[in-house]
Protein backbone atom coordinates (compact mmCIF):
# COMPACT_ATOMS: atom_id res chain seq x y z
CA MET A 1 0.06 -0.51 -0.13
CA GLN A 2 1.47 3.39 -0.94
CA VAL A 3 0.60 6.43 1.00
CA ALA A 4 0.65 9.47 -0.08
CA PRO A 5 3.53 12.08 0.62
CA GLU A 6 0.84 14.67 3.07
CA GLN A 7 -0.50 11.47 4.89
CA GLU A 8 3.57 10.26 5.21
CA ARG A 9 4.27 14.11 6.37
CA VAL A 10 0.94 13.63 9.23
CA LEU A 11 2.22 10.21 10.45
CA LYS A 12 5.22 11.35 10.90
CA SER A 13 4.89 13.88 13.03
CA LEU A 14 2.06 12.19 15.10
CA ASN A 15 4.42 9.84 16.09
CA ALA A 16 7.33 12.61 17.06
CA PHE A 17 4.32 13.78 19.05
CA LYS A 18 3.39 10.70 20.50
CA ALA A 19 7.55 9.75 21.66
CA ILE A 20 7.39 13.68 22.94
CA ALA A 21 4.07 13.08 24.65
CA LYS A 22 5.69 9.52 26.29
CA GLN A 23 8.84 11.73 27.33
CA ALA A 24 6.25 14.48 29.44
CA LEU A 25 4.87 11.13 30.92
CA LEU A 26 8.30 9.81 32.26
CA ALA A 27 9.18 13.83 33.30
CA ALA A 28 6.15 14.44 34.85
CA VAL A 29 7.42 13.00 38.18
CA THR A 30 10.00 16.45 38.39
CA THR A 31 7.22 18.77 38.20
CA LYS A 32 5.26 20.05 41.62
CA ASP A 33 1.97 18.41 40.33
CA PRO A 34 3.69 14.46 39.10
CA GLU A 35 -0.23 13.33 38.84
CA TYR A 36 -1.37 16.20 36.62
CA TRP A 37 0.98 16.42 34.36
CA GLN A 38 1.21 12.29 34.05
CA ARG A 39 -2.74 12.10 33.48
CA HIS A 40 -2.28 15.05 30.87
CA ALA A 41 0.27 13.51 29.21
CA GLU A 42 -1.09 10.66 29.00
CA SER A 43 -4.31 11.69 27.27
CA ARG A 44 -2.28 13.66 24.97
CA ARG A 45 -0.30 10.19 24.14
CA LEU A 46 -3.44 8.21 23.75
CA ILE A 47 -5.04 10.73 21.32
CA TYR A 48 -2.05 10.55 18.85
CA LYS A 49 -2.47 7.04 18.86
CA ASN A 50 -6.57 7.08 18.08
CA LEU A 51 -5.17 10.24 15.39
CA ILE A 52 -2.74 7.60 13.67
CA THR A 53 -5.37 4.88 13.59
CA TRP A 54 -7.73 7.48 11.81
CA VAL A 55 -4.70 8.74 9.27
CA GLU A 56 -3.68 4.80 8.51
CA MET A 57 -7.30 3.85 7.81
CA ASP A 58 -8.87 6.55 6.44
CA GLY A 59 -7.14 9.21 5.76
CA VAL A 60 -5.78 12.97 6.82
CA GLU A 61 -9.22 14.73 5.50
CA THR A 62 -11.23 12.11 7.58
CA ALA A 63 -9.30 12.29 10.53
CA CYS A 64 -9.40 15.87 10.43
CA SER A 65 -13.32 16.12 10.48
CA ARG A 66 -12.85 13.47 12.95
CA ALA A 67 -10.35 15.21 15.07
CA LEU A 68 -12.77 18.34 14.94
CA GLN A 69 -15.89 16.24 16.15
CA GLU A 70 -13.65 15.04 19.04
CA TYR A 71 -12.52 18.75 20.14
CA ARG A 72 -16.08 19.69 20.06
CA GLN A 73 -17.17 16.75 22.22
CA VAL A 74 -14.28 17.33 24.84
CA LEU A 75 -15.51 20.74 24.65
CA GLN A 76 -18.30 20.14 25.84
CA GLY A 77 -17.47 18.31 29.26
CA LYS A 78 -18.30 20.50 31.98
CA GLU A 79 -15.47 19.16 34.03
CA SER A 80 -12.15 20.65 33.93
CA SER A 81 -9.51 17.90 34.28
CA PRO A 82 -5.80 17.07 33.11
CA GLU A 83 -7.42 14.25 30.59
CA GLN A 84 -9.59 16.93 29.00
CA ALA A 85 -6.97 19.67 28.66
CA GLY A 86 -4.70 17.01 26.98
CA ARG A 87 -6.85 16.12 24.59
CA LEU A 88 -7.51 19.62 23.78
CA GLU A 89 -3.79 20.41 23.47
CA ALA A 90 -3.36 17.34 21.40
CA LEU A 91 -5.74 18.21 18.94
CA GLU A 92 -5.21 21.63 18.47
CA GLY A 93 -2.02 20.48 17.55
CA PHE A 94 -3.18 18.23 15.20
CA LEU A 95 -5.61 20.63 13.74
CA SER A 96 -3.10 23.35 13.43
CA LEU A 97 -0.29 20.46 11.56
CA CYS A 98 -3.16 19.57 9.41
CA GLY A 99 -3.18 23.31 8.21
CA PHE A 100 -5.58 24.94 11.00
CA ASP A 101 -5.33 27.92 12.09
CA GLU A 102 -6.04 28.85 15.64
CA ARG A 103 -9.00 31.04 14.76
CA THR A 104 -10.41 28.62 12.06
CA ILE A 105 -10.37 26.17 15.41
CA LYS A 106 -12.07 28.14 17.53
CA GLN A 107 -14.66 28.84 15.14
CA SER A 108 -15.57 25.46 15.46
CA GLN A 109 -16.16 25.70 18.82
CA ARG A 110 -18.24 28.34 18.83
CA SER A 111 -20.45 26.91 16.05
CA MET A 112 -21.23 23.67 18.01
CA TYR A 113 -23.31 26.68 20.31
């Protein structure tokens, strides 16, 4: 199976993001609030893992659509948590990687109301 150059670039970046989240998970013990930062990093790592699967199975465009849906769902959560913050950070990073600017991402946030 041949992978499109854009898909290859996105997968390479997502794998790098996932590796950074793993390093953050390991480094969390050195912070003032290790539990918070471990939960934050682990939620980022899981989102990157899901995004990699989506890109591999359905392509970048479909993964972006799913990421926007996921982003909106996470924002609907009433409770602020390290997991929620980590998921939002990971999804925003992915959407930026795919060419969405911050304004577009924030507009999608407002369009859900």
